[in-house]
Every structure is written in structure tokens, then in C-alpha cells.
């Protein structure tokens, strides 16, 4: 019997599915999953364009892109974290902490460059610390980053003295308002994150190692992947991007606010899961993440245009998160049966 044959219950040999066809199954399934989400997004977008008069205006489209810059930028690296089979609940606190550090350092030194670097390094330090705790001590990432979410938020309050830090250097405001081809720097930053981390995931050995580790960390380690170092790097990248986002947010607000970005981590995770990133790890596509971010943005934008009360918006966002998790579970069950 050859390797392409299997034995049936009656003792006869039956040909297994050809190897070439087996090799096509996973890419085809991924394409169908991504195409399905794209179709849902297009249907949602067309429906909103038809039903809401101001939705399709150029001004609203630019505003929509600007409104998803926080979620989109963070989702690009959260994709890698989730693909590892981990999760980071501290990103919102890191954004707030980085913004406070950037505002404090900029105001005290008078240097925009020093302030920006301070905020980014603060975010990177938090991310690297999370990765170190998770990789070296084997602590579950949910627990580790939940703890980090609390103490990093506390650091933001301590650094700011419990109140927002006003920025007195005018040049700092240009970071959030500078534009090119009609799009502001935060939008270009988000697009750059999509491109950079999409390339890393799809076209580098690092990205393949991330997916392999998320699929089976023990097998990846046996294949020569340094799983501990990989986790530290991925969480470090998440922290750096959170630092960049925090700096840009502080620039847009004109201050470093320790109370900002509450609940942002759940929106980021929802966008990733909607985009097909498996919570169990090993499955992720940047195209899906972009679609997930746009779906979240369109829903939020539509509720704003329709003047939906804030209390009901919480219900909708909670419902989206629940549906995203249920969708992820359904896909896992389908993959196991295939």
C-alpha cells in the first residue's frame, strides 16, 4: 500500500485524497473565509450608503478613516499576538501611559523629539515586560496582561499626578494634524502598520514562525523556533505600536490623559476576530484584519450619524464582540471537522 492509500473497514484499500488537493484545502478555506468577510463588509457599506444620506460624503469617509486609526494601528500587531495563541489586554492602558509620558517629557524638556521618543519607549518597555513575564515565567497571557492593564493605568495616573497633562509646545500638535494627500498622519500611520505587519506575517520567516507557534508551540520549538524570544519580540512590537498610537492621540487631544482609551482593547480584539484571526492561534490574515477594522468603523460611524444614544452603542459593541467570538468558534469547529 502506498502513502496515498488508506485501508477501509472491509479490508480493501481506498485511495486517500490526493496530496496536491490536500495542499490546496487550507489556502482555499482561508480565501473563502476572507472573501466571505469582504462580502459582508461590502453589503454593510452599500446598505449604510443607501439608508444614511451623509454616509458616503467625502468628509465622512475621511472622518471614518480617522476614527479607526486607533483600532486599526493596534489591530495590526494584535493580529500577531493572537496568531501566537496569546492575548494582550493592556494595550489601552499602554496607549494612555505613553500619551502621558510623551506630554510630560515634551512639556518639561521643550523638545518634541524627546517627548515622542519617550512615549514610544514607554510603550515598548511595557510590551517587552509583558512578553518577558509570559515567555520566561510561563504565566497565561490573559492573566499577565490583565495585571499589566491595571498597573500600567496606575503608572499613567502617578506620572500625570492624577490629572491630564497639558502640552505647552505648539510643535507637538502638528503630529496629529499634519496631512498628506488629504489624509492625516494618524491615518498614514495606520496604513503603514497594515502594510508592514502584513508583509511580516505573509512574506517573512518571522511571520511563518508566529503562525507555526500559534498552531503548535511544541512542534515549533522542536523545529528550531525560539518560542520565548518570539513571544518577547511580538509583545514588544505591540507595545511600540501602542506607544506610537498614544503619542499621536495625545497630539490630537492636545494633552496626555490617563483616563483615555478605556475599553479600547476589546474593540481591537473584536476587529481581529471579525477579520478571521483565530483566538486559539495559528490563523491570521492582514486582509481579514483590515476588513474587521472597517466593519467596526462603519458600524460606529453609522451610529454617530444616526445619533444613537451612547448607552445603546455599548449594547451594539458588546453584541459585535459576542458575535465575533461565536464566529471564531464556528470556524474552529468547521476546521476540526474538515
Protein backbone atom coordinates (compact mmCIF):
# COMPACT_ATOMS: atom_id res chain seq x y z
CA UNK A 1 0.00 0.00 0.00
CA UNK A 2 1.34 3.44 -0.90
CA UNK A 3 1.29 6.53 1.26
CA UNK A 4 -1.67 7.81 -0.74
CA UNK A 5 -3.82 4.80 0.17
CA UNK A 6 -5.89 4.08 3.25
CA UNK A 7 -7.48 0.86 4.45
CA UNK A 8 -11.27 0.73 4.66
CA UNK A 9 -13.21 -1.20 7.27
CA UNK A 10 -13.80 -4.12 4.84
CA UNK A 11 -10.08 -4.63 4.36
CA UNK A 12 -9.96 -3.05 0.91
CA UNK A 13 -7.62 -0.26 0.14
CA UNK A 14 -9.11 3.01 -0.98
CA UNK A 15 -7.20 5.97 -2.37
CA UNK A 16 -6.85 8.89 0.01
CA UNK A 17 -7.37 12.44 -1.11
CA UNK A 18 -4.52 13.35 -3.48
CA UNK A 19 -1.64 15.20 -1.83
CA UNK A 20 -1.94 18.09 -4.25
CA UNK A 21 -5.58 18.55 -3.39
CA UNK A 22 -4.80 18.42 0.33
CA UNK A 23 -2.29 21.21 -0.17
CA UNK A 24 -4.99 23.39 -1.71
CA UNK A 25 -7.53 22.94 1.06
CA UNK A 26 -6.12 25.36 3.65
CA UNK A 27 -5.41 28.25 1.24
CA UNK A 28 -8.83 27.77 -0.37
CA UNK A 29 -10.56 27.75 3.00
CA UNK A 30 -8.67 30.89 4.04
CA UNK A 31 -9.67 32.59 0.77
CA UNK A 32 -13.31 31.67 1.29
CA UNK A 33 -13.25 32.94 4.88
CA UNK A 34 -11.68 36.24 3.82
CA UNK A 35 -13.95 36.60 0.78
CA UNK A 36 -16.97 35.99 2.98
CA UNK A 37 -15.97 38.81 5.32
CA UNK A 38 -15.28 41.11 2.37
CA UNK A 39 -18.76 40.34 1.03
CA UNK A 40 -20.29 41.13 4.43
CA UNK A 41 -18.40 44.41 4.59
CA UNK A 42 -19.45 45.41 1.07
CA UNK A 43 -23.08 44.57 1.84
CA UNK A 44 -22.90 46.60 5.06
CA UNK A 45 -21.22 49.53 3.30
CA UNK A 46 -23.77 49.61 0.47
CA UNK A 47 -26.67 49.35 2.92
CA UNK A 48 -25.37 52.25 5.02
CA UNK A 49 -24.69 54.33 1.89
CA UNK A 50 -28.28 53.84 0.74
CA UNK A 51 -30.02 54.33 4.06
CA UNK A 52 -27.92 57.14 5.59
CA UNK A 53 -27.75 60.28 3.40
CA UNK A 54 -24.47 61.71 4.75
CA UNK A 55 -22.60 58.43 4.97
CA UNK A 56 -20.98 58.45 1.53
CA UNK A 57 -19.76 62.04 1.57
CA UNK A 58 -16.05 62.64 1.17
CA UNK A 59 -15.84 64.39 4.51
CA UNK A 60 -17.46 61.47 6.29
CA UNK A 61 -15.18 58.94 4.57
CA UNK A 62 -12.10 60.83 5.76
CA UNK A 63 -13.65 61.06 9.21
CA UNK A 64 -14.37 57.34 9.17
CA UNK A 65 -10.73 56.55 8.37
CA UNK A 66 -9.55 58.88 11.12
CA UNK A 67 -11.95 57.30 13.63
CA UNK A 68 -10.48 53.80 13.13
CA UNK A 69 -6.81 54.81 13.33
CA UNK A 70 -6.53 53.73 16.97
CA UNK A 71 -8.18 50.35 16.44
CA UNK A 72 -6.54 49.79 13.06
CA UNK A 73 -2.96 50.52 14.12
CA UNK A 74 -3.24 48.36 17.23
CA UNK A 75 -5.04 45.57 15.38
CA UNK A 76 -2.06 45.14 13.04
CA UNK A 77 0.10 43.97 15.94
CA UNK A 78 -2.71 42.39 17.96
CA UNK A 79 -3.05 40.12 14.92
CA UNK A 80 0.45 38.78 15.63
CA UNK A 81 -0.27 38.39 19.34
CA UNK A 82 -3.47 36.43 18.70
CA UNK A 83 -1.78 34.40 15.95
CA UNK A 84 0.68 33.28 18.64
CA UNK A 85 -2.25 31.97 20.64
CA UNK A 86 -1.85 34.80 23.18
CA UNK A 87 -3.78 37.95 24.01
CA UNK A 88 -2.87 41.46 25.22
CA UNK A 89 -5.42 43.27 27.39
CA UNK A 90 -3.01 46.04 28.38
CA UNK A 91 -2.90 47.92 25.07
CA UNK A 92 -5.43 50.58 26.08
CA UNK A 93 -3.58 51.33 29.32
CA UNK A 94 -0.30 51.41 27.39
CA UNK A 95 -1.76 53.96 24.97
CA UNK A 96 -2.79 56.19 27.88
CA UNK A 97 0.56 55.77 29.65
CA UNK A 98 2.57 56.53 26.50
CA UNK A 99 0.50 59.65 25.86
CA UNK A 100 1.03 60.89 29.42
CA UNK A 101 4.78 60.22 29.24
CA UNK A 102 5.05 61.99 25.87
CA UNK A 103 3.11 65.01 27.16
CA UNK A 104 5.11 65.19 30.39
CA UNK A 105 8.51 64.86 28.75
CA UNK A 106 7.67 67.28 25.92
CA UNK A 107 6.42 69.93 28.34
CA UNK A 108 9.36 69.56 30.73
CA UNK A 109 12.11 69.50 28.06
CA UNK A 110 10.52 71.64 25.36
CA UNK A 111 11.62 69.06 22.79
CA UNK A 112 9.01 67.33 20.64
CA UNK A 113 11.51 64.68 19.53
CA UNK A 114 12.48 63.74 23.06
CA UNK A 115 8.84 63.62 24.12
CA UNK A 116 7.84 61.42 21.19
CA UNK A 117 10.72 59.02 21.79
CA UNK A 118 9.88 58.93 25.49
CA UNK A 119 6.28 57.92 24.76
CA UNK A 120 7.26 55.25 22.24
CA UNK A 121 9.95 53.81 24.52
CA UNK A 122 7.47 53.72 27.40
CA UNK A 123 5.06 51.69 25.28
CA UNK A 124 7.82 49.39 24.07
CA UNK A 125 9.01 48.81 27.63
CA UNK A 126 5.52 47.75 28.72
CA UNK A 127 5.21 45.38 25.77
CA UNK A 128 8.65 43.84 26.32
CA UNK A 129 7.86 43.41 30.03
CA UNK A 130 4.62 41.60 29.16
CA UNK A 131 6.47 39.32 26.76
CA UNK A 132 9.19 38.60 29.32
CA UNK A 133 6.70 37.68 32.05
CA UNK A 134 4.71 35.45 29.69
CA UNK A 135 7.69 33.78 27.98
CA UNK A 136 10.11 33.36 30.89
CA UNK A 137 7.70 32.58 33.71
CA UNK A 138 5.02 30.74 31.70
CA UNK A 139 2.19 32.92 33.00
CA UNK A 140 -1.01 32.85 30.99
CA UNK A 141 -1.12 35.95 28.79
CA UNK A 142 -4.72 36.71 29.79
CA UNK A 143 -3.74 36.96 33.46
CA UNK A 144 -0.38 38.65 32.85
CA UNK A 145 -1.77 41.40 30.62
CA UNK A 146 -4.85 41.84 32.82
CA UNK A 147 -2.46 42.63 35.68
CA UNK A 148 -0.45 44.88 33.37
CA UNK A 149 -3.63 46.67 32.34
CA UNK A 150 -4.15 47.71 35.97
CA UNK A 151 -0.63 48.68 36.98
CA UNK A 152 0.16 50.49 33.71
CA UNK A 153 -3.01 52.54 34.10
CA UNK A 154 -1.83 53.23 37.64
CA UNK A 155 1.54 54.38 36.29
CA UNK A 156 -0.30 56.75 33.96
CA UNK A 157 -2.16 58.30 36.91
CA UNK A 158 1.03 58.53 39.01
CA UNK A 159 3.02 60.12 36.16
CA UNK A 160 0.31 62.68 35.49
CA UNK A 161 -0.47 63.35 39.14
CA UNK A 162 -4.00 62.08 38.62
CA UNK A 163 -4.95 64.72 36.09
CA UNK A 164 -4.48 65.44 32.39
CA UNK A 165 -1.09 66.87 31.40
CA UNK A 166 -1.42 69.93 29.19
CA UNK A 167 1.08 70.24 26.34
CA UNK A 168 2.69 73.69 26.01
CA UNK A 169 4.89 73.06 22.96
CA UNK A 170 2.95 74.02 19.77
CA UNK A 171 5.05 71.78 17.52
CA UNK A 172 3.69 68.69 19.26
CA UNK A 173 0.21 69.38 17.87
CA UNK A 174 1.46 69.03 14.30
CA UNK A 175 1.88 65.27 14.77
CA UNK A 176 -1.87 64.75 14.90
CA UNK A 177 -2.87 67.39 12.34
CA UNK A 178 -0.16 67.10 9.66
CA UNK A 179 -1.63 65.83 6.40
CA UNK A 180 -0.52 64.49 3.03
CA UNK A 181 -2.79 63.87 0.04
CA UNK A 182 -5.76 64.78 2.21
CA UNK A 183 -5.03 62.18 4.90
CA UNK A 184 -3.61 62.99 8.32
CA UNK A 185 -0.53 61.40 9.88
CA UNK A 186 -2.56 59.03 12.12
CA UNK A 187 -4.25 57.60 9.00
CA UNK A 188 -0.91 57.15 7.23
CA UNK A 189 0.46 55.51 10.36
CA UNK A 190 -2.40 53.01 10.36
CA UNK A 191 -1.89 52.24 6.66
CA UNK A 192 1.83 51.79 7.26
CA UNK A 193 1.09 49.34 10.09
CA UNK A 194 -1.18 47.32 7.81
CA UNK A 195 1.50 47.13 5.10
CA UNK A 196 4.48 46.48 7.37
CA UNK A 197 2.92 43.81 9.55
CA UNK A 198 1.08 42.27 6.61
CA UNK A 199 4.42 41.79 4.87
CA UNK A 200 5.97 40.46 8.08
CA UNK A 201 3.17 37.92 8.52
CA UNK A 202 2.98 36.72 4.92
CA UNK A 203 6.46 37.10 3.48
CA UNK A 204 8.99 36.51 6.24
CA UNK A 205 10.25 33.57 8.26
CA UNK A 206 9.31 35.53 11.38
CA UNK A 207 5.65 35.59 10.33
CA UNK A 208 5.68 31.90 9.48
CA UNK A 209 7.19 31.16 12.88
CA UNK A 210 4.43 33.17 14.56
CA UNK A 211 1.73 31.14 12.81
CA UNK A 212 3.57 27.87 13.44
CA UNK A 213 3.95 28.66 17.14
CA UNK A 214 0.29 29.59 17.44
CA UNK A 215 -0.71 26.37 15.71
CA UNK A 216 1.52 24.12 17.85
CA UNK A 217 4.17 25.71 20.05
CA UNK A 218 5.80 22.41 21.00
CA UNK A 219 6.20 21.36 17.36
CA UNK A 220 7.56 24.83 16.51
CA UNK A 221 10.12 24.56 19.32
CA UNK A 222 11.20 21.11 18.09
CA UNK A 223 11.59 22.59 14.60
CA UNK A 224 14.11 25.09 15.97
CA UNK A 225 11.93 28.13 16.67
CA UNK A 226 12.97 30.10 19.74
CA UNK A 227 9.44 30.42 21.10
CA UNK A 228 10.38 32.50 24.14
CA UNK A 229 12.27 35.10 22.13
CA UNK A 230 9.46 35.17 19.56
CA UNK A 231 6.88 36.00 22.22
CA UNK A 232 9.02 38.75 23.72
CA UNK A 233 9.53 40.33 20.29
CA UNK A 234 5.84 40.16 19.35
CA UNK A 235 4.67 41.69 22.64
CA UNK A 236 7.44 44.28 22.31
CA UNK A 237 6.14 45.24 18.87
CA UNK A 238 2.64 45.51 20.29
CA UNK A 239 3.97 47.87 22.94
CA UNK A 240 5.89 50.03 20.44
CA UNK A 241 2.81 50.46 18.25
CA UNK A 242 0.71 51.25 21.34
CA UNK A 243 3.33 53.87 22.20
CA UNK A 244 3.09 55.44 18.74
CA UNK A 245 -0.70 55.45 18.96
CA UNK A 246 -0.55 57.04 22.42
CA UNK A 247 1.73 59.82 21.18
CA UNK A 248 -0.50 60.58 18.19
CA UNK A 249 -3.61 60.53 20.36
CA UNK A 250 -2.03 62.96 22.82
CA UNK A 251 -1.13 65.22 19.92
CA UNK A 252 -4.70 65.18 18.60
CA UNK A 253 -6.15 65.86 22.08
CA UNK A 254 -3.54 68.45 22.99
CA UNK A 255 -2.88 66.72 26.32
CA UNK A 256 -1.86 63.46 27.92
CA UNK A 257 -4.94 61.98 29.60
CA UNK A 258 -4.60 58.94 31.91
CA UNK A 259 -8.33 58.26 31.52
CA UNK A 260 -8.26 57.85 27.75
CA UNK A 261 -8.84 54.70 25.68
CA UNK A 262 -10.91 52.83 28.26
CA UNK A 263 -12.12 49.56 26.70
CA UNK A 264 -10.09 50.03 23.53
CA UNK A 265 -8.50 46.58 23.89
CA UNK A 266 -11.87 44.86 23.42
CA UNK A 267 -12.59 46.81 20.23
CA UNK A 268 -9.17 45.85 18.86
CA UNK A 269 -9.66 42.16 19.65
CA UNK A 270 -13.19 42.27 18.18
CA UNK A 271 -11.85 43.71 14.91
CA UNK A 272 -9.19 40.98 14.69
CA UNK A 273 -11.61 38.14 15.41
CA UNK A 274 -14.14 39.57 12.95
CA UNK A 275 -11.31 39.54 10.42
CA UNK A 276 -10.74 35.82 10.85
CA UNK A 277 -7.87 35.79 13.36
CA UNK A 278 -8.31 32.65 15.48
CA UNK A 279 -8.31 33.18 19.24
CA UNK A 280 -6.68 29.76 19.56
CA UNK A 281 -3.76 30.92 17.40
CA UNK A 282 -2.20 29.78 14.14
CA UNK A 283 -4.62 31.54 11.77
CA UNK A 284 -4.45 35.20 10.70
CA UNK A 285 -4.57 37.35 7.58
CA UNK A 286 -3.92 41.07 7.30
CA UNK A 287 -6.71 41.40 4.70
CA UNK A 288 -9.19 39.98 7.17
CA UNK A 289 -7.99 42.33 9.91
CA UNK A 290 -8.41 45.36 7.62
CA UNK A 291 -11.96 44.23 6.82
CA UNK A 292 -12.71 43.69 10.51
CA UNK A 293 -11.47 47.17 11.35
CA UNK A 294 -13.59 48.71 8.59
CA UNK A 295 -16.70 46.84 9.73
CA UNK A 296 -16.21 48.13 13.28
CA UNK A 297 -15.62 51.63 11.94
CA UNK A 298 -18.67 51.64 9.69
CA UNK A 299 -20.96 50.49 12.48
CA UNK A 300 -19.60 53.10 14.88
CA UNK A 301 -19.79 55.82 12.23
CA UNK A 302 -23.36 54.92 11.33
CA UNK A 303 -24.44 55.05 14.97
CA UNK A 304 -22.89 58.50 15.25
CA UNK A 305 -24.65 59.79 12.14
CA UNK A 306 -27.96 58.38 13.40
CA UNK A 307 -27.42 59.96 16.84
CA UNK A 308 -27.80 56.62 18.58
CA UNK A 309 -27.57 57.18 22.36
CA UNK A 310 -24.29 56.15 23.96
CA UNK A 311 -25.98 53.53 26.15
CA UNK A 312 -27.25 51.68 23.09
CA UNK A 313 -23.85 51.94 21.42
CA UNK A 314 -22.43 49.91 24.30
CA UNK A 315 -25.03 47.23 23.57
CA UNK A 316 -24.09 47.14 19.90
CA UNK A 317 -20.34 46.94 20.59
CA UNK A 318 -20.91 44.17 23.12
CA UNK A 319 -23.07 42.32 20.60
CA UNK A 320 -20.37 42.62 17.93
CA UNK A 321 -17.77 41.16 20.32
CA UNK A 322 -20.07 38.26 21.19
CA UNK A 323 -20.83 37.57 17.51
CA UNK A 324 -17.12 37.74 16.69
CA UNK A 325 -16.29 35.12 19.33
CA UNK A 326 -19.18 32.89 18.20
CA UNK A 327 -17.97 33.24 14.60
CA UNK A 328 -14.45 32.25 15.65
CA UNK A 329 -15.82 29.20 17.49
CA UNK A 330 -17.87 28.17 14.47
CA UNK A 331 -14.80 28.37 12.22
CA UNK A 332 -12.75 26.30 14.65
CA UNK A 333 -15.43 23.60 14.68
CA UNK A 334 -15.58 23.60 10.89
CA UNK A 335 -11.80 23.27 10.61
CA UNK A 336 -11.80 20.33 13.03
CA UNK A 337 -14.46 18.53 11.01
CA UNK A 338 -12.70 19.13 7.67
